[in-house]
Protein backbone atom coordinates (compact mmCIF):
# COMPACT_ATOMS: atom_id res chain seq x y z
CA MET A 1 -8.70 -60.07 -62.46
CA LYS A 2 -6.97 -57.06 -61.69
CA ALA A 3 -7.70 -56.44 -58.31
CA VAL A 4 -6.51 -59.81 -57.60
CA LEU A 5 -3.14 -58.87 -59.26
CA LYS A 6 -2.63 -55.80 -57.32
CA ALA A 7 -3.50 -57.60 -53.86
CA VAL A 8 -1.04 -60.14 -55.36
CA LEU A 9 1.96 -57.32 -55.97
CA VAL A 10 0.96 -55.51 -52.81
CA LEU A 11 1.30 -58.83 -50.83
CA VAL A 12 4.60 -59.67 -52.52
CA VAL A 13 6.21 -56.16 -51.64
CA LEU A 14 5.31 -56.06 -47.97
CA VAL A 15 6.64 -59.98 -47.74
CA ALA A 16 9.69 -58.50 -49.43
CA VAL A 17 10.08 -55.53 -46.83
CA ALA A 18 9.14 -57.77 -43.79
CA ALA A 19 12.14 -59.79 -44.73
CA GLY A 20 14.64 -57.24 -45.51
CA PHE A 21 13.13 -55.80 -42.25
CA ALA A 22 13.33 -59.01 -40.24
CA ALA A 23 16.97 -60.04 -41.70
CA TYR A 24 18.01 -56.39 -40.30
CA SER A 25 16.14 -56.89 -36.94
CA VAL A 26 17.84 -60.31 -36.52
CA THR A 27 20.83 -58.79 -37.05
CA SER A 28 21.03 -55.74 -34.98
CA ARG A 29 18.67 -56.67 -32.23
CA GLY A 30 19.16 -60.53 -31.69
CA LEU A 31 16.55 -63.51 -31.33
CA SER A 32 15.50 -62.87 -27.85
CA THR A 33 12.31 -62.53 -26.92
CA ARG A 34 12.24 -60.18 -24.61
CA VAL A 35 12.43 -57.14 -26.78
CA GLU A 36 10.10 -55.02 -27.48
CA PRO A 37 8.42 -55.27 -31.31
CA SER A 38 9.20 -52.51 -33.69
CA THR A 39 6.67 -50.21 -34.93
CA VAL A 40 7.60 -51.46 -37.91
CA GLU A 41 7.31 -54.76 -37.37
CA GLU A 42 3.81 -54.18 -35.57
CA GLN A 43 2.48 -52.74 -38.43
CA LEU A 44 3.75 -54.64 -40.89
CA ALA A 45 2.57 -57.93 -38.87
CA LEU A 46 -0.94 -56.55 -38.77
CA ALA A 47 -1.09 -55.73 -42.54
CA MET A 48 -0.05 -59.11 -43.71
CA ARG A 49 -2.74 -60.37 -41.17
CA ARG A 50 -4.90 -58.75 -43.23
CA LEU A 51 -4.46 -59.33 -46.46
CA ALA A 52 -3.71 -63.28 -45.54
CA THR A 53 -7.43 -63.25 -44.45
CA PRO A 54 -9.62 -64.23 -47.58
CA THR A 55 -12.73 -60.94 -47.83
CA ALA A 56 -15.35 -63.34 -47.06
CA GLU A 57 -14.02 -65.09 -44.14
CA ARG A 58 -13.42 -61.50 -42.58
CA GLU A 59 -16.91 -60.58 -43.47
CA ARG A 60 -18.94 -63.53 -41.79
CA GLY A 61 -20.71 -63.46 -38.76
CA ASN A 62 -21.07 -65.09 -36.19
CA PRO A 63 -23.66 -68.26 -36.70
CA VAL A 64 -23.42 -68.94 -32.72
CA GLU A 65 -26.37 -67.56 -30.72
CA LEU A 66 -25.39 -65.80 -27.51
CA THR A 67 -27.37 -67.59 -24.61
CA ASP A 68 -26.15 -67.57 -21.04
CA ALA A 69 -25.46 -71.07 -21.63
CA VAL A 70 -22.84 -70.21 -24.58
CA MET A 71 -21.62 -67.64 -22.46
CA GLU A 72 -20.76 -70.02 -19.48
CA ASP A 73 -19.25 -72.87 -21.93
CA ALA A 74 -17.22 -70.19 -23.23
CA LEU A 75 -16.12 -68.68 -20.21
CA GLU A 76 -14.91 -72.13 -18.55
CA HIS A 77 -13.08 -72.90 -22.31
CA PHE A 78 -11.06 -69.50 -22.58
CA ALA A 79 -10.13 -70.04 -18.46
CA ASP A 80 -9.06 -73.48 -19.30
CA HIS A 81 -7.42 -73.14 -22.76
CA CYS A 82 -6.54 -69.63 -23.10
CA ALA A 83 -5.79 -67.78 -20.01
CA SER A 84 -2.26 -69.24 -19.58
CA CYS A 85 -1.22 -66.49 -22.37
CA HIS A 86 -3.86 -64.22 -22.31
CA ALA A 87 -5.30 -64.01 -18.42
CA ASN A 88 -8.63 -64.35 -16.80
CA ASP A 89 -9.10 -61.23 -17.86
CA GLY A 90 -7.68 -60.72 -21.85
CA SER A 91 -4.69 -58.50 -20.55
CA GLY A 92 -2.04 -60.55 -21.32
CA GLU A 93 -0.35 -60.05 -18.17
CA THR A 94 0.60 -63.69 -17.63
CA GLU A 95 4.31 -64.83 -17.71
CA MET A 96 4.08 -66.98 -20.61
CA GLY A 97 1.99 -64.10 -22.63
CA ARG A 98 4.51 -61.47 -21.76
CA SER A 99 7.61 -64.04 -23.13
CA LEU A 100 5.86 -64.86 -26.24
CA TYR A 101 7.43 -62.36 -29.38
CA PRO A 102 5.03 -59.92 -29.83
CA PRO A 103 3.55 -60.37 -26.30
CA ALA A 104 0.06 -61.59 -26.41
CA PRO A 105 -2.03 -58.60 -27.08
CA ASP A 106 -4.42 -56.74 -24.34
CA MET A 107 -7.80 -58.53 -26.24
CA ARG A 108 -9.85 -55.57 -24.34
CA ALA A 109 -8.18 -52.73 -25.98
CA ALA A 110 -9.60 -51.38 -29.72
CA ARG A 111 -6.93 -53.65 -31.67
CA THR A 112 -8.62 -56.85 -30.72
CA GLN A 113 -11.92 -55.40 -30.34
CA GLY A 114 -11.77 -53.48 -33.52
CA LEU A 115 -11.77 -56.61 -35.16
CA THR A 116 -14.88 -58.39 -36.98
CA ASP A 117 -16.09 -61.47 -36.01
CA GLY A 118 -14.58 -63.54 -38.77
CA GLU A 119 -11.05 -62.06 -38.08
CA LEU A 120 -11.08 -63.27 -34.72
CA PHE A 121 -12.73 -66.69 -35.52
CA ALA A 122 -10.00 -67.06 -38.30
CA ILE A 123 -7.31 -66.41 -35.61
CA ILE A 124 -8.84 -68.61 -33.34
CA GLU A 125 -8.94 -71.62 -35.84
CA HIS A 126 -6.15 -71.16 -37.87
CA GLY A 127 -3.57 -69.53 -35.39
CA ILE A 128 -0.86 -66.68 -36.70
CA ARG A 129 2.31 -67.81 -37.95
CA LEU A 130 5.51 -66.83 -36.59
CA THR A 131 3.30 -66.20 -33.24
CA GLY A 132 2.86 -67.55 -30.11
CA MET A 133 -1.01 -68.09 -31.23
CA PRO A 134 -1.37 -71.76 -32.28
CA ALA A 135 -4.55 -72.89 -34.73
CA TRP A 136 -7.34 -74.12 -32.13
CA GLY A 137 -9.37 -75.49 -35.11
CA THR A 138 -10.31 -79.24 -35.10
CA ALA A 139 -12.16 -79.10 -38.33
CA THR A 140 -15.34 -80.39 -36.99
CA PRO A 141 -19.01 -78.55 -36.77
CA GLU A 142 -17.99 -78.86 -32.80
CA GLY A 143 -15.35 -77.43 -32.85
CA GLU A 144 -16.31 -74.54 -35.19
CA ALA A 145 -19.15 -73.98 -32.44
CA ALA A 146 -16.51 -73.55 -29.70
CA SER A 147 -14.56 -71.25 -31.63
CA TRP A 148 -17.37 -68.74 -32.39
CA ALA A 149 -18.45 -69.23 -28.80
CA LEU A 150 -15.04 -67.99 -27.84
CA VAL A 151 -15.59 -64.89 -30.34
CA HIS A 152 -19.10 -63.87 -28.24
CA PHE A 153 -16.61 -64.24 -24.96
CA ILE A 154 -13.95 -62.08 -26.29
CA ARG A 155 -16.29 -59.34 -27.13
CA ARG A 156 -17.37 -59.77 -23.32
CA LEU A 157 -13.65 -59.38 -22.18
CA PRO A 158 -13.77 -54.96 -21.57
CA ARG A 159 -17.15 -55.39 -19.20
CA LEU A 160 -16.14 -58.43 -16.99
CA THR A 161 -17.07 -58.97 -13.96
CA ALA A 162 -15.26 -59.48 -10.64
CA GLU A 163 -17.46 -62.03 -10.10
CA GLU A 164 -16.84 -64.08 -13.35
CA LYS A 165 -12.91 -63.41 -13.05
CA ALA A 166 -13.49 -65.50 -9.87
CA ARG A 167 -15.22 -68.17 -11.18
CA MET A 168 -12.51 -68.69 -14.02
CA GLU A 169 -10.25 -69.42 -11.37
CA GLU A 170 -11.85 -72.62 -11.04
CA PHE A 171 -10.99 -73.56 -14.73
CA ASN A 172 -7.24 -72.33 -14.76
CA PRO A 173 -4.84 -75.59 -15.13
CA LYS A 174 -3.02 -76.32 -12.10
CA SER A 175 0.72 -77.12 -11.97
CA ALA A 176 0.99 -80.74 -10.14
CA ALA A 177 2.29 -78.82 -7.00
CA GLN A 178 -0.80 -76.44 -7.00
CA PHE A 179 -2.70 -79.71 -7.40
CA ARG A 180 -1.34 -81.44 -4.54
CA GLU A 181 -1.35 -78.13 -2.31
CA GLU A 182 -4.94 -78.30 -3.02
CA GLU A 183 -5.46 -81.61 -1.96
CA GLU A 184 -3.59 -81.63 1.23
CA THR A 185 -5.86 -78.61 1.74
CA ARG A 186 -8.92 -80.42 1.30
CA ARG A 187 -7.45 -83.34 3.28
CA PHE A 188 -6.36 -81.36 6.11
CA LEU A 189 -10.04 -79.48 6.25
CA ALA A 190 -11.88 -82.94 6.54
CA GLY A 191 -9.78 -84.79 8.72
CA GLU A 192 -7.95 -87.17 6.63
CA GLU A 193 -4.38 -88.26 6.93
CA PRO A 194 -2.64 -86.55 4.32
CA THR A 195 -1.24 -88.79 1.23
CA PRO A 196 0.36 -88.23 -1.83
CA ALA A 197 -2.10 -86.75 -4.43
CA GLU A 198 -1.65 -87.65 -8.40
CA PRO A 199 -1.85 -84.61 -10.35
CA PRO A 200 -4.48 -84.18 -12.63
CA PRO A 201 -4.84 -85.79 -15.98
CA ALA A 202 -3.38 -83.48 -18.77
CA HIS A 203 -5.71 -82.11 -21.65
CA GLU A 204 -6.28 -84.26 -24.66
CA GLY A 205 -7.46 -81.76 -27.45
CA PRO A 206 -7.68 -77.92 -28.06
CA HIS A 207 -11.44 -78.14 -27.55
CA ASP A 208 -12.00 -81.01 -25.37
């Protein structure tokens, strides 16, 4: 009981400090996402994220067996759903990723790779408030399995091969302009008459 009260007290103090610092930051630095988060903001955010993840969830092991098929599905899933912000290689070096506040992290680095499988799963499933990270969970066994598979892929990011990165480009979302350009190229190479191409259908859900 004392441990619970202590944890609650620490959380309240952190929230109060974070609120005060946020108010100061907004009044002194404005609301632009183009400024770099301060060290204090980073440390507070990391501490609160850890406290907000229950111990039992942090300590969960990955129940999905790592197989070639699981890794291939996760590679396609990451390229289709995650790479817009995180980049195919997990560096976060995309226009959208750099524009978030805080910017999308380099998932190959120790700050992400040092998280437990349970923490990575919780982030994927539940998202993180006040960042660009949405909750991808669907509250279904299939959705959870897809998230656990992504945990396996995140562990792979520091050792991703050039061949894997190139293969991921096939699954990256295409804009209407990119789709039209690719369709025009295909028709030209096939000797067909150029005709307007319809953009590909939008994805209907996070784990479709």
